Structures are given as C-alpha cells and as structure tokens.
C-alpha cells in the first residue's frame, strides 16, 4: 500500500482585512485508496457572500482549478468526480473531500477567497478537459 501526502495552504486576496481563510491542518497523510478530507476555516465577513476556491499544484507546475463554492452552492467544472465539497456555514468551515486517494493526488492544495486572480481569470480554467490519448 502506497502513502499519499497532501499539503494544504490558503490564500486570500479580498477587499477586507477582516476576511481570512486558513487550513485546519497543514499536512494530511493517508494511504492509497483511502478517503481524505482537506478542511479550511474562514472568518470575518467572508461567509459565502464571497466565492471560495480550491486549487492544487504539483511540483514545478501551474495552479490547477479544482472547484468553486458560491453563495448558492457549488459551481465550476471539476475534472475529477472524486472531489466533493461540504460546507458548514455555522462553523465557517469548508471541506474538500477526495474519495479513493491515489499517489498521483499528492500535491499542494489551496483554499482561497475571491478574488484570487487579477487580469484574465479564465486562464486557470482553460485546461479542464484531460488530454485525449
């Protein structure tokens, strides 16, 4: 059985210094085939009136968009159906859950508050379809 490592970071580029988001645990270890949950708490006026994003980054690679959480629910077009999101508004917590972890899932994962990208926000979304063989 192989070991998977998930490192979790957060970022916030918003319009209020009261808004913040941070991981509950910065490192998550699990075994291949296990389910894993990556969690962040948000504070301030952020709530779900802002957009919450999840990204991941492999070594020497660009950020990859995973999923977007909006006030009215989950949006975006995650390319991996193993990802789901749970939102606990009363505790201001958002969980990214991954079923059946694989060694190739080992990466840096980011929870972020919008706006996270300036300029052309669509550049991170352009490679949502896996390449054809």
C-alpha atoms as a PDB file:
ATOM      1  CA  UNK A   1       0.000   0.000   0.000  1.00  0.00           C
ATOM      2  CA  UNK A   2       1.432   3.353  -1.037  1.00  0.00           C
ATOM      3  CA  UNK A   3       1.410   6.521   1.014  1.00  0.00           C
ATOM      4  CA  UNK A   4      -0.129   9.831  -0.152  1.00  0.00           C
ATOM      5  CA  UNK A   5       0.816  13.270   1.170  1.00  0.00           C
ATOM      6  CA  UNK A   6      -1.417  16.318   0.960  1.00  0.00           C
ATOM      7  CA  UNK A   7      -0.065  19.740   1.914  1.00  0.00           C
ATOM      8  CA  UNK A   8      -2.706  22.389   2.478  1.00  0.00           C
ATOM      9  CA  UNK A   9      -2.259  26.146   2.226  1.00  0.00           C
ATOM     10  CA  UNK A  10      -4.584  29.087   1.968  1.00  0.00           C
ATOM     11  CA  UNK A  11      -4.595  32.462   0.336  1.00  0.00           C
ATOM     12  CA  UNK A  12      -6.838  35.474   0.433  1.00  0.00           C
ATOM     13  CA  UNK A  13      -6.863  38.439  -1.855  1.00  0.00           C
ATOM     14  CA  UNK A  14     -10.005  40.289  -0.969  1.00  0.00           C
ATOM     15  CA  UNK A  15     -11.389  43.689  -0.264  1.00  0.00           C
ATOM     16  CA  UNK A  16     -11.447  43.394   3.516  1.00  0.00           C
ATOM     17  CA  UNK A  17      -8.753  42.702   6.075  1.00  0.00           C
ATOM     18  CA  UNK A  18     -11.428  41.043   8.196  1.00  0.00           C
ATOM     19  CA  UNK A  19     -11.807  38.243   5.669  1.00  0.00           C
ATOM     20  CA  UNK A  20      -9.462  35.319   6.074  1.00  0.00           C
ATOM     21  CA  UNK A  21      -9.242  31.640   5.326  1.00  0.00           C
ATOM     22  CA  UNK A  22      -6.804  29.097   6.702  1.00  0.00           C
ATOM     23  CA  UNK A  23      -6.341  25.343   6.717  1.00  0.00           C
ATOM     24  CA  UNK A  24      -7.258  23.403   9.827  1.00  0.00           C
ATOM     25  CA  UNK A  25      -4.263  21.096   9.286  1.00  0.00           C
ATOM     26  CA  UNK A  26      -1.322  21.974   7.059  1.00  0.00           C
ATOM     27  CA  UNK A  27      -0.360  18.371   6.301  1.00  0.00           C
ATOM     28  CA  UNK A  28      -2.591  15.381   5.705  1.00  0.00           C
ATOM     29  CA  UNK A  29      -1.200  11.875   5.280  1.00  0.00           C
ATOM     30  CA  UNK A  30      -3.266   8.959   4.059  1.00  0.00           C
ATOM     31  CA  UNK A  31      -2.939   5.639   2.297  1.00  0.00           C
ATOM     32  CA  UNK A  32      -3.738   4.943  -1.312  1.00  0.00           C
ATOM     33  CA  UNK A  33      -7.391   4.012  -1.706  1.00  0.00           C
ATOM     34  CA  UNK A  34      -8.480   5.913   1.423  1.00  0.00           C
ATOM     35  CA  UNK A  35     -10.866   8.837   1.508  1.00  0.00           C
ATOM     36  CA  UNK A  36      -9.312  12.129   2.591  1.00  0.00           C
ATOM     37  CA  UNK A  37     -10.784  15.426   3.762  1.00  0.00           C
ATOM     38  CA  UNK A  38      -8.958  18.765   3.484  1.00  0.00           C
ATOM     39  CA  UNK A  39     -10.551  21.478   5.603  1.00  0.00           C
ATOM     40  CA  UNK A  40     -10.333  25.259   5.896  1.00  0.00           C
ATOM     41  CA  UNK A  41     -11.998  27.707   8.263  1.00  0.00           C
ATOM     42  CA  UNK A  42     -12.988  31.149   7.037  1.00  0.00           C
ATOM     43  CA  UNK A  43     -13.592  34.200   9.227  1.00  0.00           C
ATOM     44  CA  UNK A  44     -14.814  37.755   9.061  1.00  0.00           C
ATOM     45  CA  UNK A  45     -17.441  38.895   6.628  1.00  0.00           C
ATOM     46  CA  UNK A  46     -16.368  36.334   4.041  1.00  0.00           C
ATOM     47  CA  UNK A  47     -19.058  33.787   4.693  1.00  0.00           C
ATOM     48  CA  UNK A  48     -20.460  32.516   1.476  1.00  0.00           C
ATOM     49  CA  UNK A  49     -21.139  36.007   0.203  1.00  0.00           C
ATOM     50  CA  UNK A  50     -17.684  35.666  -1.321  1.00  0.00           C
ATOM     51  CA  UNK A  51     -16.504  32.854  -3.524  1.00  0.00           C
ATOM     52  CA  UNK A  52     -14.355  30.093  -2.046  1.00  0.00           C
ATOM     53  CA  UNK A  53     -11.995  28.284  -4.396  1.00  0.00           C
ATOM     54  CA  UNK A  54      -9.961  25.089  -4.242  1.00  0.00           C
ATOM     55  CA  UNK A  55      -6.798  24.652  -6.310  1.00  0.00           C
ATOM     56  CA  UNK A  56      -3.962  22.162  -6.364  1.00  0.00           C
ATOM     57  CA  UNK A  57      -0.385  22.424  -7.536  1.00  0.00           C
ATOM     58  CA  UNK A  58       2.022  19.683  -8.492  1.00  0.00           C
ATOM     59  CA  UNK A  59       5.789  20.268  -8.226  1.00  0.00           C
ATOM     60  CA  UNK A  60       7.074  22.621 -10.936  1.00  0.00           C
ATOM     61  CA  UNK A  61       3.541  23.086 -12.315  1.00  0.00           C
ATOM     62  CA  UNK A  62       0.885  25.794 -12.531  1.00  0.00           C
ATOM     63  CA  UNK A  63      -2.063  26.000 -10.185  1.00  0.00           C
ATOM     64  CA  UNK A  64      -4.949  23.759 -11.232  1.00  0.00           C
ATOM     65  CA  UNK A  65      -8.540  24.784 -10.581  1.00  0.00           C
ATOM     66  CA  UNK A  66     -10.495  22.103  -8.688  1.00  0.00           C
ATOM     67  CA  UNK A  67     -13.819  23.605  -7.682  1.00  0.00           C
ATOM     68  CA  UNK A  68     -15.629  26.840  -6.822  1.00  0.00           C
ATOM     69  CA  UNK A  69     -18.053  27.246  -3.916  1.00  0.00           C
ATOM     70  CA  UNK A  70     -20.577  30.072  -4.288  1.00  0.00           C
ATOM     71  CA  UNK A  71     -23.263  31.505  -2.049  1.00  0.00           C
ATOM     72  CA  UNK A  72     -25.889  29.411  -3.826  1.00  0.00           C
ATOM     73  CA  UNK A  73     -23.846  26.201  -3.860  1.00  0.00           C
ATOM     74  CA  UNK A  74     -21.005  24.533  -5.678  1.00  0.00           C
ATOM     75  CA  UNK A  75     -20.044  25.632  -9.155  1.00  0.00           C
ATOM     76  CA  UNK A  76     -17.289  25.099 -11.596  1.00  0.00           C
ATOM     77  CA  UNK A  77     -16.440  22.086 -13.616  1.00  0.00           C
ATOM     78  CA  UNK A  78     -14.133  19.831 -11.678  1.00  0.00           C
ATOM     79  CA  UNK A  79     -12.414  17.349 -13.957  1.00  0.00           C
ATOM     80  CA  UNK A  80     -12.192  14.716 -11.244  1.00  0.00           C
ATOM     81  CA  UNK A  81     -15.519  13.404  -9.981  1.00  0.00           C
ATOM     82  CA  UNK A  82     -13.809  12.044  -6.855  1.00  0.00           C
ATOM     83  CA  UNK A  83     -13.875  15.585  -5.399  1.00  0.00           C
ATOM     84  CA  UNK A  84     -16.871  16.737  -3.378  1.00  0.00           C
ATOM     85  CA  UNK A  85     -17.371  19.726  -1.099  1.00  0.00           C
ATOM     86  CA  UNK A  86     -19.080  20.012   2.272  1.00  0.00           C
ATOM     87  CA  UNK A  87     -19.938  23.419   3.695  1.00  0.00           C
ATOM     88  CA  UNK A  88     -20.607  24.041   7.383  1.00  0.00           C
ATOM     89  CA  UNK A  89     -21.795  27.654   7.487  1.00  0.00           C
ATOM     90  CA  UNK A  90     -22.459  27.665  11.241  1.00  0.00           C
ATOM     91  CA  UNK A  91     -18.806  26.798  11.963  1.00  0.00           C
ATOM     92  CA  UNK A  92     -17.497  28.686   8.897  1.00  0.00           C
ATOM     93  CA  UNK A  93     -15.763  25.594   7.585  1.00  0.00           C
ATOM     94  CA  UNK A  94     -15.383  24.173   4.090  1.00  0.00           C
ATOM     95  CA  UNK A  95     -14.155  20.632   3.394  1.00  0.00           C
ATOM     96  CA  UNK A  96     -12.762  19.307   0.136  1.00  0.00           C
ATOM     97  CA  UNK A  97     -13.266  15.560   0.156  1.00  0.00           C
ATOM     98  CA  UNK A  98     -11.431  13.185  -2.140  1.00  0.00           C
ATOM     99  CA  UNK A  99     -12.532   9.589  -2.461  1.00  0.00           C
ATOM    100  CA  UNK A 100     -10.099   6.773  -3.254  1.00  0.00           C
ATOM    101  CA  UNK A 101      -6.866   8.768  -2.953  1.00  0.00           C
ATOM    102  CA  UNK A 102      -4.114   7.896  -5.407  1.00  0.00           C
ATOM    103  CA  UNK A 103      -0.397   8.551  -5.136  1.00  0.00           C
ATOM    104  CA  UNK A 104      -0.789  10.980  -8.046  1.00  0.00           C
ATOM    105  CA  UNK A 105      -3.092  13.078  -5.826  1.00  0.00           C
ATOM    106  CA  UNK A 106      -0.093  14.044  -3.664  1.00  0.00           C
ATOM    107  CA  UNK A 107       0.230  17.805  -4.192  1.00  0.00           C
ATOM    108  CA  UNK A 108      -0.150  21.228  -2.607  1.00  0.00           C
ATOM    109  CA  UNK A 109      -3.815  22.099  -2.146  1.00  0.00           C
ATOM    110  CA  UNK A 110      -5.014  25.681  -1.720  1.00  0.00           C
ATOM    111  CA  UNK A 111      -8.235  27.030  -0.288  1.00  0.00           C
ATOM    112  CA  UNK A 112      -8.745  30.634  -1.328  1.00  0.00           C
ATOM    113  CA  UNK A 113     -11.173  33.537  -1.120  1.00  0.00           C
ATOM    114  CA  UNK A 114     -12.081  35.534  -4.203  1.00  0.00           C
ATOM    115  CA  UNK A 115     -10.734  37.442  -5.888  1.00  0.00           C
ATOM    116  CA  UNK A 116      -7.694  35.207  -6.250  1.00  0.00           C
ATOM    117  CA  UNK A 117      -6.648  36.129  -9.782  1.00  0.00           C
ATOM    118  CA  UNK A 118      -6.289  39.538 -11.371  1.00  0.00           C
ATOM    119  CA  UNK A 119      -6.285  40.223 -15.070  1.00  0.00           C
ATOM    120  CA  UNK A 120      -7.695  37.321 -17.067  1.00  0.00           C
ATOM    121  CA  UNK A 121      -9.397  34.944 -14.590  1.00  0.00           C
ATOM    122  CA  UNK A 122     -10.126  32.388 -17.312  1.00  0.00           C
ATOM    123  CA  UNK A 123      -6.521  31.301 -17.803  1.00  0.00           C
ATOM    124  CA  UNK A 124      -6.662  28.900 -14.846  1.00  0.00           C
ATOM    125  CA  UNK A 125      -9.823  27.303 -16.190  1.00  0.00           C
ATOM    126  CA  UNK A 126      -8.767  26.574 -19.751  1.00  0.00           C
ATOM    127  CA  UNK A 127      -7.424  23.027 -19.236  1.00  0.00           C
ATOM    128  CA  UNK A 128     -10.427  21.430 -17.572  1.00  0.00           C
ATOM    129  CA  UNK A 129     -10.634  18.574 -20.062  1.00  0.00           C
ATOM    130  CA  UNK A 130      -7.983  15.862 -19.779  1.00  0.00           C
ATOM    131  CA  UNK A 131      -5.915  15.333 -22.941  1.00  0.00           C
ATOM    132  CA  UNK A 132      -7.050  12.618 -25.314  1.00  0.00           C
ATOM    133  CA  UNK A 133      -4.781   9.643 -25.848  1.00  0.00           C
END
